[in-house]
Amino acid sequence: MSYLQCPQCHRTAWVQAVADDDAACRHCGAPLRALSRGEFAALTGAVRERFARDARRDAGRKRFVRERR
């Protein structure tokens, strides 16, 4: 699986396969670049820390539950 990042708006995309032509960012249209293993590891760690911090802050809130209509 390839991990790509937009150099302008820093959004990240995970794709199963990359075509021969360059992929463009859906947000700003800039060409995406491949992330190195180190960059990907840092990004993954930061996201996990953020989710853990948010979970501790809102410990009583139910997660991933649909609201009744």
C-alpha atoms as a PDB file:
ATOM      1  CA  MET A   1       0.000   0.000   0.000  1.00  0.00           C
ATOM      2  CA  SER A   2       1.351   3.421  -0.947  1.00  0.00           C
ATOM      3  CA  TYR A   3       1.186   6.450   1.294  1.00  0.00           C
ATOM      4  CA  LEU A   4       1.108   9.817  -0.453  1.00  0.00           C
ATOM      5  CA  GLN A   5       1.131  13.363   0.903  1.00  0.00           C
ATOM      6  CA  CYS A   6       0.306  16.739  -0.614  1.00  0.00           C
ATOM      7  CA  PRO A   7       3.294  19.091  -0.187  1.00  0.00           C
ATOM      8  CA  GLN A   8       1.017  22.165  -0.140  1.00  0.00           C
ATOM      9  CA  CYS A   9      -1.904  21.360   2.159  1.00  0.00           C
ATOM     10  CA  HIS A  10      -0.264  18.336   3.906  1.00  0.00           C
ATOM     11  CA  ARG A  11      -3.241  16.027   3.443  1.00  0.00           C
ATOM     12  CA  THR A  12      -2.411  12.335   3.305  1.00  0.00           C
ATOM     13  CA  ALA A  13      -3.793   9.663   0.969  1.00  0.00           C
ATOM     14  CA  TRP A  14      -3.529   5.900   1.271  1.00  0.00           C
ATOM     15  CA  VAL A  15      -3.917   4.059  -2.009  1.00  0.00           C
ATOM     16  CA  GLN A  16      -3.875   0.381  -2.976  1.00  0.00           C
ATOM     17  CA  ALA A  17      -2.050   0.958  -6.256  1.00  0.00           C
ATOM     18  CA  VAL A  18      -0.596   3.989  -7.988  1.00  0.00           C
ATOM     19  CA  ALA A  19      -1.193   4.474 -11.702  1.00  0.00           C
ATOM     20  CA  ASP A  20       1.630   5.484 -14.036  1.00  0.00           C
ATOM     21  CA  ASP A  21       0.396   9.070 -14.109  1.00  0.00           C
ATOM     22  CA  ASP A  22       0.829  11.302 -11.055  1.00  0.00           C
ATOM     23  CA  ALA A  23      -2.012  11.501  -8.561  1.00  0.00           C
ATOM     24  CA  ALA A  24      -3.326  14.946  -7.659  1.00  0.00           C
ATOM     25  CA  CYS A  25      -4.565  16.214  -4.296  1.00  0.00           C
ATOM     26  CA  ARG A  26      -8.374  16.312  -4.182  1.00  0.00           C
ATOM     27  CA  HIS A  27      -8.247  19.462  -2.057  1.00  0.00           C
ATOM     28  CA  CYS A  28      -5.801  21.756  -3.889  1.00  0.00           C
ATOM     29  CA  GLY A  29      -4.808  19.839  -7.052  1.00  0.00           C
ATOM     30  CA  ALA A  30      -1.063  19.697  -6.302  1.00  0.00           C
ATOM     31  CA  PRO A  31       0.783  16.511  -7.310  1.00  0.00           C
ATOM     32  CA  LEU A  32       1.163  14.060  -4.403  1.00  0.00           C
ATOM     33  CA  ARG A  33       4.560  12.803  -3.255  1.00  0.00           C
ATOM     34  CA  ALA A  34       5.420   9.493  -1.617  1.00  0.00           C
ATOM     35  CA  LEU A  35       5.978   9.406   2.160  1.00  0.00           C
ATOM     36  CA  SER A  36       9.087   7.702   3.505  1.00  0.00           C
ATOM     37  CA  ARG A  37       8.788   5.005   6.179  1.00  0.00           C
ATOM     38  CA  GLY A  38      10.033   7.440   8.817  1.00  0.00           C
ATOM     39  CA  GLU A  39       7.491  10.107   7.871  1.00  0.00           C
ATOM     40  CA  PHE A  40       4.717   7.535   7.857  1.00  0.00           C
ATOM     41  CA  ALA A  41       5.741   6.198  11.286  1.00  0.00           C
ATOM     42  CA  ALA A  42       5.767   9.736  12.719  1.00  0.00           C
ATOM     43  CA  LEU A  43       2.348  10.502  11.214  1.00  0.00           C
ATOM     44  CA  THR A  44       0.853   7.253  12.535  1.00  0.00           C
ATOM     45  CA  GLY A  45       2.240   7.898  16.023  1.00  0.00           C
ATOM     46  CA  ALA A  46       0.866  11.442  16.060  1.00  0.00           C
ATOM     47  CA  VAL A  47      -2.616  10.285  15.021  1.00  0.00           C
ATOM     48  CA  ARG A  48      -2.662   7.555  17.680  1.00  0.00           C
ATOM     49  CA  GLU A  49      -1.564  10.051  20.358  1.00  0.00           C
ATOM     50  CA  ARG A  50      -4.281  12.484  19.280  1.00  0.00           C
ATOM     51  CA  PHE A  51      -6.995   9.799  19.445  1.00  0.00           C
ATOM     52  CA  ALA A  52      -5.755   8.683  22.880  1.00  0.00           C
ATOM     53  CA  ARG A  53      -5.680  12.293  24.147  1.00  0.00           C
ATOM     54  CA  ASP A  54      -9.196  12.974  22.836  1.00  0.00           C
ATOM     55  CA  ALA A  55     -10.465   9.740  24.408  1.00  0.00           C
ATOM     56  CA  ARG A  56      -9.004  10.714  27.809  1.00  0.00           C
ATOM     57  CA  ARG A  57     -10.479  14.213  27.610  1.00  0.00           C
ATOM     58  CA  ASP A  58     -13.985  12.974  26.724  1.00  0.00           C
ATOM     59  CA  ALA A  59     -13.910   9.672  28.607  1.00  0.00           C
ATOM     60  CA  GLY A  60     -17.665   9.622  29.255  1.00  0.00           C
ATOM     61  CA  ARG A  61     -18.707  10.279  25.665  1.00  0.00           C
ATOM     62  CA  LYS A  62     -19.898   7.326  23.588  1.00  0.00           C
ATOM     63  CA  ARG A  63     -17.919   6.863  20.406  1.00  0.00           C
ATOM     64  CA  PHE A  64     -19.015   5.632  17.001  1.00  0.00           C
ATOM     65  CA  VAL A  65     -22.694   5.554  17.960  1.00  0.00           C
ATOM     66  CA  ARG A  66     -25.323   6.818  15.549  1.00  0.00           C
ATOM     67  CA  GLU A  67     -27.662   9.452  16.876  1.00  0.00           C
ATOM     68  CA  ARG A  68     -31.358   8.662  16.932  1.00  0.00           C
ATOM     69  CA  ARG A  69     -33.475  10.504  14.386  1.00  0.00           C
END
